[in-house]
Amino acid sequence: MRTFSGNCPTPQSTFTVQDQRGFTLIEVLAALAILAIAFTAVLRANLQVQDSILSSRLQTAATLLASDLLARVESKGVSRWSRYSGRKKQSELAFSWRVRIERTAAEGLSRVRVEVRQREEENVLARREAFFRRDSGE
């Protein structure tokens, strides 16, 4: 049987710092934090784009409704137009509209204003204005 004396050399480890492979926990956490910030920015930008699309859709539908109402007043005739306000559902959106007809200083000429809102108490989404002869459409 072999015995070892107290001066026995211990085997040296062949593992050095340069041979490490992989990432430390701190490096992984820093990378995750950077990714979280980047994803948050992308999500915020996406929500802003969606909000802009909805606003644009709302504005377009309101403008189309205002133009349609103005054309109806013209085709029916200013003197025959009887509805001055109402509600309309268009493209799954609800609107409140108002038509104002005013006499002008010019003989036989009326100013027609159409305003469209999402709700009666909210700001105007679309406004159209035109001048028609009082006897147009007759």
N, C-alpha and C. Protein backbone atom coordinates (compact mmCIF):
# COMPACT_ATOMS: atom_id res chain seq x y z
N MET A 1 0.81 -1.15 0.00
CA MET A 1 0.00 0.00 0.00
C MET A 1 0.88 1.24 0.00
N ARG A 2 0.40 2.21 -0.71
CA ARG A 2 1.17 3.44 -0.83
C ARG A 2 0.72 4.45 0.19
N THR A 3 1.64 5.16 0.73
CA THR A 3 1.31 6.25 1.66
C THR A 3 1.91 7.52 1.10
N PHE A 4 1.24 8.61 1.41
CA PHE A 4 1.70 9.92 0.92
C PHE A 4 2.16 10.74 2.09
N SER A 5 3.16 11.49 1.82
CA SER A 5 3.66 12.36 2.87
C SER A 5 2.90 13.67 2.84
N GLY A 6 3.08 14.51 3.81
CA GLY A 6 2.38 15.79 3.92
C GLY A 6 2.73 16.75 2.81
N ASN A 7 3.81 16.54 2.13
CA ASN A 7 4.22 17.46 1.06
C ASN A 7 3.69 17.02 -0.30
N CYS A 8 2.66 16.30 -0.26
CA CYS A 8 2.10 15.79 -1.51
C CYS A 8 1.53 16.95 -2.33
N PRO A 9 1.93 17.03 -3.56
CA PRO A 9 1.39 18.12 -4.40
C PRO A 9 -0.07 17.82 -4.75
N THR A 10 -0.88 18.87 -4.68
CA THR A 10 -2.28 18.70 -5.05
C THR A 10 -2.39 18.96 -6.55
N PRO A 11 -3.27 18.25 -7.18
CA PRO A 11 -3.39 18.44 -8.63
C PRO A 11 -3.87 19.87 -8.93
N GLN A 12 -3.24 20.48 -9.87
CA GLN A 12 -3.60 21.84 -10.30
C GLN A 12 -4.81 21.77 -11.21
N SER A 13 -5.70 22.70 -11.01
CA SER A 13 -6.89 22.75 -11.86
C SER A 13 -6.50 23.31 -13.21
N THR A 14 -7.02 22.72 -14.24
CA THR A 14 -6.75 23.22 -15.60
C THR A 14 -7.78 24.26 -16.02
N PHE A 15 -8.71 24.61 -15.13
CA PHE A 15 -9.77 25.58 -15.42
C PHE A 15 -9.27 26.97 -15.09
N THR A 16 -9.27 27.85 -16.11
CA THR A 16 -8.86 29.24 -15.91
C THR A 16 -10.01 30.16 -16.29
N VAL A 17 -9.87 31.42 -15.92
CA VAL A 17 -10.93 32.40 -16.17
C VAL A 17 -11.15 32.59 -17.67
N GLN A 18 -10.10 32.51 -18.48
CA GLN A 18 -10.25 32.70 -19.91
C GLN A 18 -11.04 31.57 -20.56
N ASP A 19 -11.11 30.44 -19.94
CA ASP A 19 -11.82 29.31 -20.53
C ASP A 19 -13.31 29.28 -20.22
N GLN A 20 -13.82 30.27 -19.46
CA GLN A 20 -15.24 30.28 -19.12
C GLN A 20 -16.09 30.45 -20.37
N ARG A 21 -17.17 29.73 -20.39
CA ARG A 21 -18.12 29.87 -21.49
C ARG A 21 -19.48 30.20 -20.89
N GLY A 22 -20.29 31.04 -21.64
CA GLY A 22 -21.61 31.41 -21.13
C GLY A 22 -21.59 32.81 -20.54
N PHE A 23 -22.71 33.18 -19.91
CA PHE A 23 -22.87 34.52 -19.38
C PHE A 23 -23.11 34.46 -17.89
N THR A 24 -22.75 35.54 -17.24
CA THR A 24 -23.02 35.61 -15.81
C THR A 24 -24.47 36.04 -15.61
N LEU A 25 -24.95 35.88 -14.41
CA LEU A 25 -26.32 36.26 -14.09
C LEU A 25 -26.53 37.76 -14.31
N ILE A 26 -25.58 38.56 -13.96
CA ILE A 26 -25.69 40.02 -14.14
C ILE A 26 -25.83 40.36 -15.62
N GLU A 27 -25.05 39.72 -16.47
CA GLU A 27 -25.13 39.98 -17.91
C GLU A 27 -26.50 39.60 -18.46
N VAL A 28 -27.03 38.49 -18.02
CA VAL A 28 -28.35 38.04 -18.47
C VAL A 28 -29.43 39.02 -18.00
N LEU A 29 -29.36 39.47 -16.76
CA LEU A 29 -30.35 40.41 -16.25
C LEU A 29 -30.27 41.76 -16.97
N ALA A 30 -29.07 42.21 -17.28
CA ALA A 30 -28.91 43.47 -18.02
C ALA A 30 -29.50 43.33 -19.42
N ALA A 31 -29.26 42.22 -20.07
CA ALA A 31 -29.82 42.00 -21.41
C ALA A 31 -31.35 41.95 -21.35
N LEU A 32 -31.91 41.30 -20.35
CA LEU A 32 -33.36 41.24 -20.20
C LEU A 32 -33.95 42.62 -19.94
N ALA A 33 -33.27 43.44 -19.15
CA ALA A 33 -33.75 44.80 -18.89
C ALA A 33 -33.75 45.62 -20.17
N ILE A 34 -32.71 45.50 -20.97
CA ILE A 34 -32.64 46.23 -22.24
C ILE A 34 -33.75 45.76 -23.18
N LEU A 35 -33.99 44.46 -23.26
CA LEU A 35 -35.07 43.93 -24.09
C LEU A 35 -36.44 44.40 -23.61
N ALA A 36 -36.64 44.45 -22.29
CA ALA A 36 -37.91 44.91 -21.75
C ALA A 36 -38.17 46.36 -22.12
N ILE A 37 -37.15 47.19 -22.04
CA ILE A 37 -37.29 48.60 -22.43
C ILE A 37 -37.60 48.72 -23.92
N ALA A 38 -36.91 47.94 -24.73
CA ALA A 38 -37.15 47.99 -26.17
C ALA A 38 -38.56 47.51 -26.51
N PHE A 39 -39.02 46.43 -25.90
CA PHE A 39 -40.37 45.94 -26.17
C PHE A 39 -41.44 46.92 -25.69
N THR A 40 -41.18 47.59 -24.58
CA THR A 40 -42.12 48.61 -24.10
C THR A 40 -42.24 49.75 -25.10
N ALA A 41 -41.12 50.17 -25.67
CA ALA A 41 -41.14 51.24 -26.67
C ALA A 41 -41.90 50.80 -27.92
N VAL A 42 -41.69 49.58 -28.34
CA VAL A 42 -42.39 49.05 -29.52
C VAL A 42 -43.89 48.96 -29.25
N LEU A 43 -44.27 48.50 -28.07
CA LEU A 43 -45.68 48.40 -27.71
C LEU A 43 -46.33 49.77 -27.67
N ARG A 44 -45.65 50.75 -27.08
CA ARG A 44 -46.19 52.12 -27.03
C ARG A 44 -46.38 52.69 -28.43
N ALA A 45 -45.41 52.47 -29.30
CA ALA A 45 -45.53 52.95 -30.68
C ALA A 45 -46.70 52.27 -31.39
N ASN A 46 -46.88 50.99 -31.16
CA ASN A 46 -47.99 50.25 -31.76
C ASN A 46 -49.33 50.80 -31.29
N LEU A 47 -49.45 51.10 -30.01
CA LEU A 47 -50.70 51.66 -29.48
C LEU A 47 -50.97 53.04 -30.07
N GLN A 48 -49.93 53.84 -30.26
CA GLN A 48 -50.11 55.16 -30.86
C GLN A 48 -50.57 55.04 -32.31
N VAL A 49 -50.04 54.08 -33.03
CA VAL A 49 -50.46 53.86 -34.42
C VAL A 49 -51.92 53.43 -34.46
N GLN A 50 -52.31 52.52 -33.58
CA GLN A 50 -53.70 52.07 -33.54
C GLN A 50 -54.64 53.22 -33.19
N ASP A 51 -54.22 54.08 -32.26
CA ASP A 51 -55.03 55.24 -31.90
C ASP A 51 -55.17 56.20 -33.07
N SER A 52 -54.09 56.39 -33.81
CA SER A 52 -54.13 57.25 -34.99
C SER A 52 -55.05 56.68 -36.07
N ILE A 53 -55.01 55.38 -36.24
CA ILE A 53 -55.87 54.72 -37.24
C ILE A 53 -57.34 54.91 -36.86
N LEU A 54 -57.67 54.72 -35.59
CA LEU A 54 -59.05 54.89 -35.14
C LEU A 54 -59.50 56.34 -35.32
N SER A 55 -58.64 57.28 -34.96
CA SER A 55 -58.97 58.70 -35.11
C SER A 55 -59.17 59.06 -36.58
N SER A 56 -58.32 58.52 -37.43
CA SER A 56 -58.43 58.77 -38.86
C SER A 56 -59.73 58.18 -39.42
N ARG A 57 -60.07 57.01 -38.98
CA ARG A 57 -61.31 56.36 -39.42
C ARG A 57 -62.52 57.18 -38.99
N LEU A 58 -62.49 57.67 -37.76
CA LEU A 58 -63.56 58.49 -37.23
C LEU A 58 -63.70 59.78 -38.03
N GLN A 59 -62.59 60.43 -38.29
CA GLN A 59 -62.58 61.68 -39.06
C GLN A 59 -63.10 61.47 -40.48
N THR A 60 -62.67 60.39 -41.11
CA THR A 60 -63.10 60.10 -42.48
C THR A 60 -64.60 59.83 -42.54
N ALA A 61 -65.11 59.03 -41.62
CA ALA A 61 -66.54 58.72 -41.61
C ALA A 61 -67.36 59.98 -41.34
N ALA A 62 -66.89 60.85 -40.45
CA ALA A 62 -67.60 62.09 -40.16
C ALA A 62 -67.60 63.02 -41.37
N THR A 63 -66.49 63.10 -42.07
CA THR A 63 -66.39 63.94 -43.27
C THR A 63 -67.31 63.42 -44.36
N LEU A 64 -67.37 62.12 -44.55
CA LEU A 64 -68.27 61.54 -45.55
C LEU A 64 -69.73 61.83 -45.21
N LEU A 65 -70.08 61.73 -43.93
CA LEU A 65 -71.45 62.02 -43.50
C LEU A 65 -71.79 63.49 -43.74
N ALA A 66 -70.89 64.39 -43.41
CA ALA A 66 -71.13 65.82 -43.63
C ALA A 66 -71.30 66.13 -45.11
N SER A 67 -70.47 65.55 -45.94
CA SER A 67 -70.59 65.76 -47.39
C SER A 67 -71.90 65.18 -47.92
N ASP A 68 -72.29 64.02 -47.41
CA ASP A 68 -73.55 63.41 -47.82
C ASP A 68 -74.74 64.28 -47.44
N LEU A 69 -74.73 64.82 -46.23
CA LEU A 69 -75.83 65.68 -45.79
C LEU A 69 -75.90 66.95 -46.63
N LEU A 70 -74.77 67.52 -46.95
CA LEU A 70 -74.73 68.73 -47.77
C LEU A 70 -75.29 68.43 -49.17
N ALA A 71 -74.95 67.29 -49.72
CA ALA A 71 -75.47 66.90 -51.03
C ALA A 71 -76.98 66.67 -50.97
N ARG A 72 -77.48 66.12 -49.87
CA ARG A 72 -78.92 65.91 -49.72
C ARG A 72 -79.68 67.24 -49.67
N VAL A 73 -79.11 68.20 -48.93
CA VAL A 73 -79.74 69.52 -48.88
C VAL A 73 -79.79 70.12 -50.27
N GLU A 74 -78.70 69.99 -51.01
CA GLU A 74 -78.65 70.54 -52.36
C GLU A 74 -79.67 69.86 -53.28
N SER A 75 -79.75 68.54 -53.20
CA SER A 75 -80.65 67.82 -54.10
C SER A 75 -82.12 68.03 -53.74
N LYS A 76 -82.42 68.13 -52.47
CA LYS A 76 -83.82 68.31 -52.05
C LYS A 76 -84.25 69.76 -52.21
N GLY A 77 -83.29 70.65 -52.06
CA GLY A 77 -83.60 72.08 -52.14
C GLY A 77 -83.57 72.70 -50.76
N VAL A 78 -82.96 73.85 -50.67
CA VAL A 78 -82.80 74.52 -49.38
C VAL A 78 -84.16 74.84 -48.77
N SER A 79 -85.08 75.31 -49.58
CA SER A 79 -86.39 75.70 -49.04
C SER A 79 -87.23 74.48 -48.63
N ARG A 80 -86.91 73.31 -49.13
CA ARG A 80 -87.67 72.09 -48.79
C ARG A 80 -87.02 71.26 -47.68
N TRP A 81 -85.83 71.61 -47.29
CA TRP A 81 -85.13 70.83 -46.27
C TRP A 81 -85.80 71.05 -44.93
N SER A 82 -86.12 69.96 -44.23
CA SER A 82 -86.87 70.09 -42.98
C SER A 82 -86.13 69.56 -41.75
N ARG A 83 -85.16 68.69 -41.93
CA ARG A 83 -84.44 68.13 -40.77
C ARG A 83 -83.21 68.97 -40.49
N TYR A 84 -83.09 69.40 -39.26
CA TYR A 84 -81.95 70.25 -38.91
C TYR A 84 -80.97 69.60 -37.96
N SER A 85 -81.31 68.44 -37.43
CA SER A 85 -80.37 67.70 -36.58
C SER A 85 -80.79 66.24 -36.54
N GLY A 86 -79.86 65.41 -36.15
CA GLY A 86 -80.18 63.99 -36.06
C GLY A 86 -78.97 63.17 -35.66
N ARG A 87 -79.19 61.87 -35.65
CA ARG A 87 -78.11 60.93 -35.32
C ARG A 87 -78.02 59.92 -36.44
N LYS A 88 -76.82 59.45 -36.67
CA LYS A 88 -76.61 58.47 -37.75
C LYS A 88 -75.51 57.52 -37.33
N LYS A 89 -75.73 56.24 -37.61
CA LYS A 89 -74.70 55.24 -37.38
C LYS A 89 -74.10 54.91 -38.73
N GLN A 90 -72.79 55.08 -38.82
CA GLN A 90 -72.10 54.84 -40.09
C GLN A 90 -70.78 54.14 -39.79
N SER A 91 -70.53 53.06 -40.48
CA SER A 91 -69.29 52.29 -40.29
C SER A 91 -69.09 51.90 -38.82
N GLU A 92 -70.16 51.45 -38.19
CA GLU A 92 -70.15 51.03 -36.79
C GLU A 92 -69.78 52.16 -35.83
N LEU A 93 -69.90 53.40 -36.28
CA LEU A 93 -69.62 54.57 -35.44
C LEU A 93 -70.89 55.42 -35.39
N ALA A 94 -71.20 55.96 -34.22
CA ALA A 94 -72.40 56.78 -34.06
C ALA A 94 -72.01 58.25 -34.11
N PHE A 95 -72.80 59.04 -34.84
CA PHE A 95 -72.54 60.47 -34.99
C PHE A 95 -73.81 61.26 -34.70
N SER A 96 -73.60 62.49 -34.30
CA SER A 96 -74.66 63.45 -34.14
C SER A 96 -74.39 64.57 -35.15
N TRP A 97 -75.42 65.01 -35.89
CA TRP A 97 -75.18 66.02 -36.91
C TRP A 97 -76.18 67.17 -36.79
N ARG A 98 -75.80 68.31 -37.35
CA ARG A 98 -76.66 69.49 -37.34
C ARG A 98 -76.49 70.24 -38.65
N VAL A 99 -77.61 70.67 -39.23
CA VAL A 99 -77.61 71.48 -40.45
C VAL A 99 -78.17 72.85 -40.08
N ARG A 100 -77.45 73.90 -40.46
CA ARG A 100 -77.91 75.27 -40.25
C ARG A 100 -78.03 75.95 -41.60
N ILE A 101 -79.17 76.53 -41.83
CA ILE A 101 -79.41 77.26 -43.08
C ILE A 101 -79.65 78.72 -42.72
N GLU A 102 -78.85 79.60 -43.30
CA GLU A 102 -78.96 81.02 -43.01
C GLU A 102 -79.14 81.80 -44.31
N ARG A 103 -79.93 82.83 -44.24
CA ARG A 103 -80.07 83.72 -45.39
C ARG A 103 -78.83 84.60 -45.46
N THR A 104 -78.47 84.96 -46.65
CA THR A 104 -77.33 85.87 -46.84
C THR A 104 -77.84 87.21 -47.37
N ALA A 105 -76.93 88.15 -47.46
CA ALA A 105 -77.29 89.48 -47.98
C ALA A 105 -77.62 89.40 -49.47
N ALA A 106 -77.07 88.42 -50.13
CA ALA A 106 -77.34 88.26 -51.57
C ALA A 106 -78.75 87.70 -51.76
N GLU A 107 -79.48 88.23 -52.67
CA GLU A 107 -80.86 87.83 -52.94
C GLU A 107 -80.92 86.37 -53.42
N GLY A 108 -81.73 85.58 -52.77
CA GLY A 108 -81.96 84.21 -53.19
C GLY A 108 -80.84 83.23 -52.86
N LEU A 109 -79.89 83.64 -52.04
CA LEU A 109 -78.75 82.78 -51.72
C LEU A 109 -78.77 82.43 -50.23
N SER A 110 -78.56 81.16 -49.94
CA SER A 110 -78.53 80.69 -48.54
C SER A 110 -77.19 80.04 -48.25
N ARG A 111 -76.75 80.22 -47.03
CA ARG A 111 -75.53 79.55 -46.56
C ARG A 111 -75.98 78.31 -45.79
N VAL A 112 -75.42 77.17 -46.16
CA VAL A 112 -75.75 75.90 -45.50
C VAL A 112 -74.50 75.40 -44.80
N ARG A 113 -74.63 75.18 -43.49
CA ARG A 113 -73.51 74.66 -42.70
C ARG A 113 -73.91 73.31 -42.12
N VAL A 114 -73.02 72.35 -42.26
CA VAL A 114 -73.24 71.02 -41.70
C VAL A 114 -72.10 70.73 -40.73
N GLU A 115 -72.46 70.32 -39.51
CA GLU A 115 -71.48 69.95 -38.50
C GLU A 115 -71.77 68.53 -38.02
N VAL A 116 -70.71 67.76 -37.87
CA VAL A 116 -70.84 66.37 -37.41
C VAL A 116 -69.95 66.19 -36.19
N ARG A 117 -70.54 65.61 -35.17
CA ARG A 117 -69.83 65.32 -33.91
C ARG A 117 -70.02 63.84 -33.59
N GLN A 118 -69.16 63.33 -32.73
CA GLN A 118 -69.38 61.96 -32.28
C GLN A 118 -70.53 61.94 -31.27
N ARG A 119 -70.53 62.91 -30.39
CA ARG A 119 -71.64 63.11 -29.45
C ARG A 119 -71.98 64.59 -29.47
N GLU A 120 -73.18 64.92 -29.10
CA GLU A 120 -73.63 66.30 -29.21
C GLU A 120 -72.75 67.28 -28.45
N GLU A 121 -72.23 66.88 -27.31
CA GLU A 121 -71.46 67.81 -26.49
C GLU A 121 -69.97 67.87 -26.86
N GLU A 122 -69.53 67.05 -27.78
CA GLU A 122 -68.11 67.00 -28.12
C GLU A 122 -67.76 67.98 -29.24
N ASN A 123 -66.47 68.11 -29.49
CA ASN A 123 -65.98 68.98 -30.55
C ASN A 123 -66.41 68.49 -31.92
N VAL A 124 -66.44 69.42 -32.86
CA VAL A 124 -66.85 69.10 -34.23
C VAL A 124 -65.76 68.25 -34.89
N LEU A 125 -66.18 67.12 -35.47
CA LEU A 125 -65.24 66.26 -36.21
C LEU A 125 -65.13 66.68 -37.66
N ALA A 126 -66.27 67.10 -38.24
CA ALA A 126 -66.27 67.50 -39.65
C ALA A 126 -67.24 68.67 -39.82
N ARG A 127 -66.85 69.58 -40.66
CA ARG A 127 -67.68 70.75 -40.95
C ARG A 127 -67.64 70.99 -42.45
N ARG A 128 -68.82 71.14 -43.05
CA ARG A 128 -68.92 71.45 -44.48
C ARG A 128 -69.84 72.66 -44.60
N GLU A 129 -69.50 73.51 -45.54
CA GLU A 129 -70.27 74.73 -45.74
C GLU A 129 -70.37 75.01 -47.23
N ALA A 130 -71.54 75.46 -47.66
CA ALA A 130 -71.74 75.77 -49.07
C ALA A 130 -72.83 76.83 -49.19
N PHE A 131 -72.89 77.46 -50.34
CA PHE A 131 -73.92 78.45 -50.66
C PHE A 131 -74.80 77.87 -51.77
N PHE A 132 -76.10 77.90 -51.54
CA PHE A 132 -77.05 77.39 -52.53
C PHE A 132 -78.12 78.42 -52.78
N ARG A 133 -78.67 78.33 -53.96
CA ARG A 133 -79.85 79.16 -54.26
C ARG A 133 -81.02 78.59 -53.49
N ARG A 134 -81.86 79.44 -53.01
CA ARG A 134 -83.01 78.98 -52.20
C ARG A 134 -83.95 78.08 -53.00
N ASP A 135 -83.93 78.23 -54.29
CA ASP A 135 -84.82 77.41 -55.11
C ASP A 135 -84.10 76.23 -55.74
N SER A 136 -82.88 75.89 -55.30
CA SER A 136 -82.17 74.77 -55.90
C SER A 136 -82.89 73.47 -55.61
N GLY A 137 -82.96 72.61 -56.59
CA GLY A 137 -83.62 71.33 -56.44
C GLY A 137 -85.12 71.39 -56.68
N GLU A 138 -85.66 72.57 -56.94
CA GLU A 138 -87.11 72.67 -57.15
C GLU A 138 -87.44 72.59 -58.61
